[in-house]
Amino acid sequence: MSKFGDIVNSEIPVLINFYSDWDQEYEDYALGILKEVAINLGEKAKIIKIDTDKNEELAKALRIKNNPTYIIYQNSEMKWRQSGDQSAATLLAMVQQFI
């Protein structure tokens, strides 16, 4: 989890998508949303995907119960968290609050 600490200890917002690889069709859809957000934000934010199946300890520590779960961190502090499908517009608006 020390790597996770390094990831979220950032002055710019870090949007993390916690997901599971078992539903490839949904993941392809979600990846398109995250790419759209990334294109719009450029270098103003980081966007990271974390597979909960491969990072069970982290998912348990953060109490990730549903996929997808989106969390925004800034300076190691959780700023926003939401489970379930989110549109690119919603994610973009949430991240822009912390830029």
N, C-alpha and C. Protein backbone atom coordinates (compact mmCIF):
# COMPACT_ATOMS: atom_id res chain seq x y z
N MET A 1 0.81 -1.21 0.00
CA MET A 1 0.00 0.00 0.00
C MET A 1 0.85 1.26 0.00
N SER A 2 2.16 1.12 0.20
CA SER A 2 2.99 2.31 0.15
C SER A 2 2.97 2.93 -1.25
N LYS A 3 2.87 2.12 -2.30
CA LYS A 3 2.76 2.65 -3.65
C LYS A 3 1.47 3.45 -3.80
N PHE A 4 0.39 2.97 -3.19
CA PHE A 4 -0.87 3.70 -3.24
C PHE A 4 -0.70 5.06 -2.57
N GLY A 5 -0.01 5.09 -1.44
CA GLY A 5 0.25 6.35 -0.75
C GLY A 5 1.00 7.33 -1.64
N ASP A 6 1.94 6.83 -2.41
CA ASP A 6 2.68 7.68 -3.33
C ASP A 6 1.77 8.21 -4.44
N ILE A 7 0.85 7.36 -4.90
CA ILE A 7 -0.07 7.76 -5.97
C ILE A 7 -0.99 8.90 -5.52
N VAL A 8 -1.57 8.78 -4.34
CA VAL A 8 -2.57 9.76 -3.90
C VAL A 8 -1.96 11.00 -3.26
N ASN A 9 -0.67 10.97 -2.99
CA ASN A 9 0.00 12.14 -2.41
C ASN A 9 0.43 13.06 -3.55
N SER A 10 -0.53 13.73 -4.11
CA SER A 10 -0.30 14.58 -5.28
C SER A 10 -1.04 15.90 -5.10
N GLU A 11 -0.41 16.97 -5.54
CA GLU A 11 -1.07 18.27 -5.47
C GLU A 11 -2.21 18.38 -6.48
N ILE A 12 -2.06 17.68 -7.60
CA ILE A 12 -3.15 17.69 -8.57
C ILE A 12 -4.11 16.55 -8.22
N PRO A 13 -5.38 16.68 -8.57
CA PRO A 13 -6.35 15.63 -8.24
C PRO A 13 -6.01 14.31 -8.91
N VAL A 14 -6.30 13.23 -8.21
CA VAL A 14 -6.09 11.88 -8.73
C VAL A 14 -7.45 11.18 -8.73
N LEU A 15 -7.96 10.89 -9.91
CA LEU A 15 -9.22 10.16 -10.05
C LEU A 15 -8.88 8.69 -10.20
N ILE A 16 -9.39 7.87 -9.29
CA ILE A 16 -9.12 6.44 -9.34
C ILE A 16 -10.42 5.71 -9.64
N ASN A 17 -10.33 4.81 -10.62
CA ASN A 17 -11.44 3.94 -10.98
C ASN A 17 -11.12 2.54 -10.45
N PHE A 18 -11.84 2.11 -9.42
CA PHE A 18 -11.71 0.75 -8.92
C PHE A 18 -12.69 -0.10 -9.71
N TYR A 19 -12.17 -1.15 -10.33
CA TYR A 19 -12.98 -1.97 -11.22
C TYR A 19 -12.61 -3.43 -11.06
N SER A 20 -13.35 -4.28 -11.72
CA SER A 20 -13.04 -5.71 -11.77
C SER A 20 -13.03 -6.14 -13.23
N ASP A 21 -12.10 -6.97 -13.57
CA ASP A 21 -11.89 -7.37 -14.96
C ASP A 21 -12.91 -8.37 -15.50
N TRP A 22 -13.82 -8.84 -14.68
CA TRP A 22 -14.71 -9.92 -15.11
C TRP A 22 -15.74 -9.51 -16.16
N ASP A 23 -16.06 -8.24 -16.29
CA ASP A 23 -17.05 -7.80 -17.27
C ASP A 23 -16.36 -6.95 -18.34
N GLN A 24 -15.79 -7.61 -19.33
CA GLN A 24 -14.99 -6.92 -20.34
C GLN A 24 -15.80 -5.91 -21.15
N GLU A 25 -17.04 -6.20 -21.45
CA GLU A 25 -17.86 -5.26 -22.22
C GLU A 25 -18.05 -3.95 -21.46
N TYR A 26 -18.33 -4.06 -20.16
CA TYR A 26 -18.49 -2.84 -19.36
C TYR A 26 -17.16 -2.11 -19.25
N GLU A 27 -16.07 -2.83 -19.07
CA GLU A 27 -14.76 -2.20 -18.92
C GLU A 27 -14.37 -1.44 -20.18
N ASP A 28 -14.71 -1.95 -21.34
CA ASP A 28 -14.44 -1.24 -22.58
C ASP A 28 -15.23 0.08 -22.61
N TYR A 29 -16.47 0.04 -22.15
CA TYR A 29 -17.32 1.23 -22.07
C TYR A 29 -16.71 2.24 -21.09
N ALA A 30 -16.34 1.75 -19.90
CA ALA A 30 -15.78 2.63 -18.86
C ALA A 30 -14.45 3.23 -19.31
N LEU A 31 -13.65 2.45 -20.03
CA LEU A 31 -12.38 2.95 -20.52
C LEU A 31 -12.60 4.13 -21.47
N GLY A 32 -13.62 4.06 -22.29
CA GLY A 32 -13.95 5.17 -23.18
C GLY A 32 -14.30 6.43 -22.40
N ILE A 33 -15.03 6.27 -21.31
CA ILE A 33 -15.38 7.41 -20.45
C ILE A 33 -14.13 8.01 -19.83
N LEU A 34 -13.26 7.15 -19.29
CA LEU A 34 -12.04 7.64 -18.66
C LEU A 34 -11.11 8.32 -19.67
N LYS A 35 -11.06 7.81 -20.89
CA LYS A 35 -10.24 8.45 -21.93
C LYS A 35 -10.77 9.84 -22.25
N GLU A 36 -12.09 9.97 -22.32
CA GLU A 36 -12.70 11.28 -22.58
C GLU A 36 -12.36 12.27 -21.47
N VAL A 37 -12.45 11.81 -20.22
CA VAL A 37 -12.10 12.67 -19.08
C VAL A 37 -10.63 13.06 -19.15
N ALA A 38 -9.77 12.09 -19.43
CA ALA A 38 -8.33 12.35 -19.51
C ALA A 38 -8.00 13.37 -20.60
N ILE A 39 -8.64 13.24 -21.74
CA ILE A 39 -8.39 14.18 -22.84
C ILE A 39 -8.79 15.59 -22.43
N ASN A 40 -9.91 15.72 -21.75
CA ASN A 40 -10.39 17.04 -21.33
C ASN A 40 -9.55 17.65 -20.23
N LEU A 41 -8.97 16.83 -19.36
CA LEU A 41 -8.20 17.35 -18.23
C LEU A 41 -6.72 17.55 -18.55
N GLY A 42 -6.20 16.79 -19.48
CA GLY A 42 -4.78 16.90 -19.81
C GLY A 42 -3.91 16.64 -18.59
N GLU A 43 -2.98 17.53 -18.34
CA GLU A 43 -2.03 17.40 -17.22
C GLU A 43 -2.58 17.94 -15.90
N LYS A 44 -3.81 18.38 -15.88
CA LYS A 44 -4.39 18.98 -14.67
C LYS A 44 -4.79 17.96 -13.63
N ALA A 45 -4.83 16.67 -14.00
CA ALA A 45 -5.22 15.61 -13.08
C ALA A 45 -4.62 14.29 -13.54
N LYS A 46 -4.56 13.34 -12.62
CA LYS A 46 -4.13 11.98 -12.95
C LYS A 46 -5.37 11.09 -12.93
N ILE A 47 -5.39 10.12 -13.82
CA ILE A 47 -6.48 9.14 -13.84
C ILE A 47 -5.86 7.76 -13.79
N ILE A 48 -6.31 6.97 -12.83
CA ILE A 48 -5.71 5.66 -12.59
C ILE A 48 -6.82 4.63 -12.45
N LYS A 49 -6.57 3.43 -13.01
CA LYS A 49 -7.50 2.31 -12.86
C LYS A 49 -6.83 1.28 -11.94
N ILE A 50 -7.60 0.75 -10.99
CA ILE A 50 -7.09 -0.28 -10.08
C ILE A 50 -8.06 -1.44 -10.08
N ASP A 51 -7.56 -2.61 -10.44
CA ASP A 51 -8.35 -3.85 -10.47
C ASP A 51 -8.49 -4.36 -9.03
N THR A 52 -9.71 -4.42 -8.54
CA THR A 52 -9.94 -4.84 -7.15
C THR A 52 -9.60 -6.31 -6.94
N ASP A 53 -9.70 -7.13 -7.98
CA ASP A 53 -9.35 -8.55 -7.84
C ASP A 53 -7.85 -8.73 -7.65
N LYS A 54 -7.06 -7.89 -8.26
CA LYS A 54 -5.61 -7.99 -8.16
C LYS A 54 -5.06 -7.18 -6.97
N ASN A 55 -5.90 -6.37 -6.35
CA ASN A 55 -5.50 -5.52 -5.23
C ASN A 55 -6.51 -5.67 -4.09
N GLU A 56 -6.75 -6.91 -3.71
CA GLU A 56 -7.79 -7.20 -2.71
C GLU A 56 -7.53 -6.52 -1.37
N GLU A 57 -6.28 -6.47 -0.94
CA GLU A 57 -5.95 -5.85 0.35
C GLU A 57 -6.30 -4.36 0.34
N LEU A 58 -5.96 -3.68 -0.73
CA LEU A 58 -6.27 -2.26 -0.86
C LEU A 58 -7.79 -2.06 -0.92
N ALA A 59 -8.47 -2.88 -1.72
CA ALA A 59 -9.93 -2.76 -1.85
C ALA A 59 -10.60 -2.97 -0.49
N LYS A 60 -10.10 -3.92 0.27
CA LYS A 60 -10.66 -4.17 1.60
C LYS A 60 -10.38 -2.99 2.54
N ALA A 61 -9.18 -2.47 2.49
CA ALA A 61 -8.82 -1.33 3.35
C ALA A 61 -9.68 -0.11 3.05
N LEU A 62 -10.01 0.08 1.78
CA LEU A 62 -10.83 1.23 1.37
C LEU A 62 -12.32 0.93 1.36
N ARG A 63 -12.67 -0.29 1.76
CA ARG A 63 -14.07 -0.73 1.80
C ARG A 63 -14.77 -0.59 0.45
N ILE A 64 -14.06 -1.01 -0.60
CA ILE A 64 -14.64 -1.01 -1.94
C ILE A 64 -15.53 -2.24 -2.03
N LYS A 65 -16.82 -2.04 -2.10
CA LYS A 65 -17.77 -3.14 -2.13
C LYS A 65 -18.43 -3.30 -3.50
N ASN A 66 -18.48 -2.23 -4.27
CA ASN A 66 -19.13 -2.27 -5.58
C ASN A 66 -18.17 -1.77 -6.65
N ASN A 67 -18.29 -2.36 -7.81
CA ASN A 67 -17.52 -1.91 -8.97
C ASN A 67 -18.49 -1.37 -10.00
N PRO A 68 -18.19 -0.27 -10.62
CA PRO A 68 -17.02 0.55 -10.36
C PRO A 68 -17.23 1.45 -9.14
N THR A 69 -16.14 1.81 -8.53
CA THR A 69 -16.13 2.85 -7.49
C THR A 69 -15.09 3.87 -7.92
N TYR A 70 -15.48 5.12 -7.90
CA TYR A 70 -14.59 6.22 -8.28
C TYR A 70 -14.25 7.01 -7.03
N ILE A 71 -12.97 7.34 -6.88
CA ILE A 71 -12.53 8.14 -5.74
C ILE A 71 -11.58 9.21 -6.27
N ILE A 72 -11.72 10.42 -5.74
CA ILE A 72 -10.78 11.49 -6.06
C ILE A 72 -9.97 11.78 -4.80
N TYR A 73 -8.65 11.75 -4.95
CA TYR A 73 -7.73 12.11 -3.88
C TYR A 73 -6.95 13.36 -4.30
N GLN A 74 -6.56 14.12 -3.29
CA GLN A 74 -5.65 15.24 -3.50
C GLN A 74 -4.87 15.43 -2.22
N ASN A 75 -3.56 15.50 -2.32
CA ASN A 75 -2.69 15.62 -1.14
C ASN A 75 -3.01 14.55 -0.10
N SER A 76 -3.20 13.33 -0.56
CA SER A 76 -3.48 12.14 0.27
C SER A 76 -4.83 12.17 0.96
N GLU A 77 -5.67 13.12 0.63
CA GLU A 77 -6.99 13.23 1.26
C GLU A 77 -8.08 12.86 0.26
N MET A 78 -8.99 11.99 0.70
CA MET A 78 -10.11 11.63 -0.15
C MET A 78 -11.06 12.83 -0.23
N LYS A 79 -11.32 13.27 -1.46
CA LYS A 79 -12.17 14.45 -1.67
C LYS A 79 -13.59 14.08 -2.11
N TRP A 80 -13.72 12.93 -2.78
CA TRP A 80 -15.03 12.53 -3.33
C TRP A 80 -15.00 11.04 -3.59
N ARG A 81 -16.15 10.41 -3.41
CA ARG A 81 -16.26 8.97 -3.66
C ARG A 81 -17.68 8.65 -4.10
N GLN A 82 -17.77 7.80 -5.13
CA GLN A 82 -19.09 7.40 -5.62
C GLN A 82 -18.97 6.02 -6.28
N SER A 83 -19.90 5.15 -5.95
CA SER A 83 -19.96 3.84 -6.60
C SER A 83 -21.02 3.87 -7.69
N GLY A 84 -20.83 3.01 -8.68
CA GLY A 84 -21.80 2.91 -9.77
C GLY A 84 -21.35 3.68 -10.99
N ASP A 85 -22.10 3.49 -12.06
CA ASP A 85 -21.78 4.13 -13.33
C ASP A 85 -21.79 5.65 -13.19
N GLN A 86 -20.82 6.28 -13.82
CA GLN A 86 -20.74 7.74 -13.83
C GLN A 86 -20.47 8.17 -15.27
N SER A 87 -21.07 9.25 -15.67
CA SER A 87 -20.82 9.77 -17.01
C SER A 87 -19.50 10.53 -17.04
N ALA A 88 -18.98 10.72 -18.23
CA ALA A 88 -17.75 11.51 -18.39
C ALA A 88 -17.99 12.93 -17.88
N ALA A 89 -19.15 13.49 -18.14
CA ALA A 89 -19.46 14.85 -17.70
C ALA A 89 -19.44 14.95 -16.18
N THR A 90 -20.00 13.95 -15.51
CA THR A 90 -20.02 13.95 -14.05
C THR A 90 -18.61 13.86 -13.49
N LEU A 91 -17.82 12.93 -14.01
CA LEU A 91 -16.45 12.77 -13.52
C LEU A 91 -15.63 14.02 -13.79
N LEU A 92 -15.79 14.59 -14.94
CA LEU A 92 -15.06 15.80 -15.30
C LEU A 92 -15.42 16.95 -14.36
N ALA A 93 -16.70 17.12 -14.11
CA ALA A 93 -17.15 18.20 -13.21
C ALA A 93 -16.62 17.99 -11.79
N MET A 94 -16.60 16.77 -11.33
CA MET A 94 -16.12 16.49 -9.97
C MET A 94 -14.63 16.79 -9.86
N VAL A 95 -13.85 16.33 -10.81
CA VAL A 95 -12.41 16.57 -10.76
C VAL A 95 -12.09 18.06 -10.87
N GLN A 96 -12.81 18.76 -11.72
CA GLN A 96 -12.55 20.19 -11.94
C GLN A 96 -12.76 21.03 -10.68
N GLN A 97 -13.54 20.53 -9.74
CA GLN A 97 -13.72 21.24 -8.47
C GLN A 97 -12.43 21.35 -7.69
N PHE A 98 -11.47 20.47 -7.95
CA PHE A 98 -10.24 20.42 -7.15
C PHE A 98 -9.01 20.90 -7.92
N ILE A 99 -9.25 21.44 -9.11
CA ILE A 99 -8.12 21.97 -9.90
C ILE A 99 -7.86 23.40 -9.51
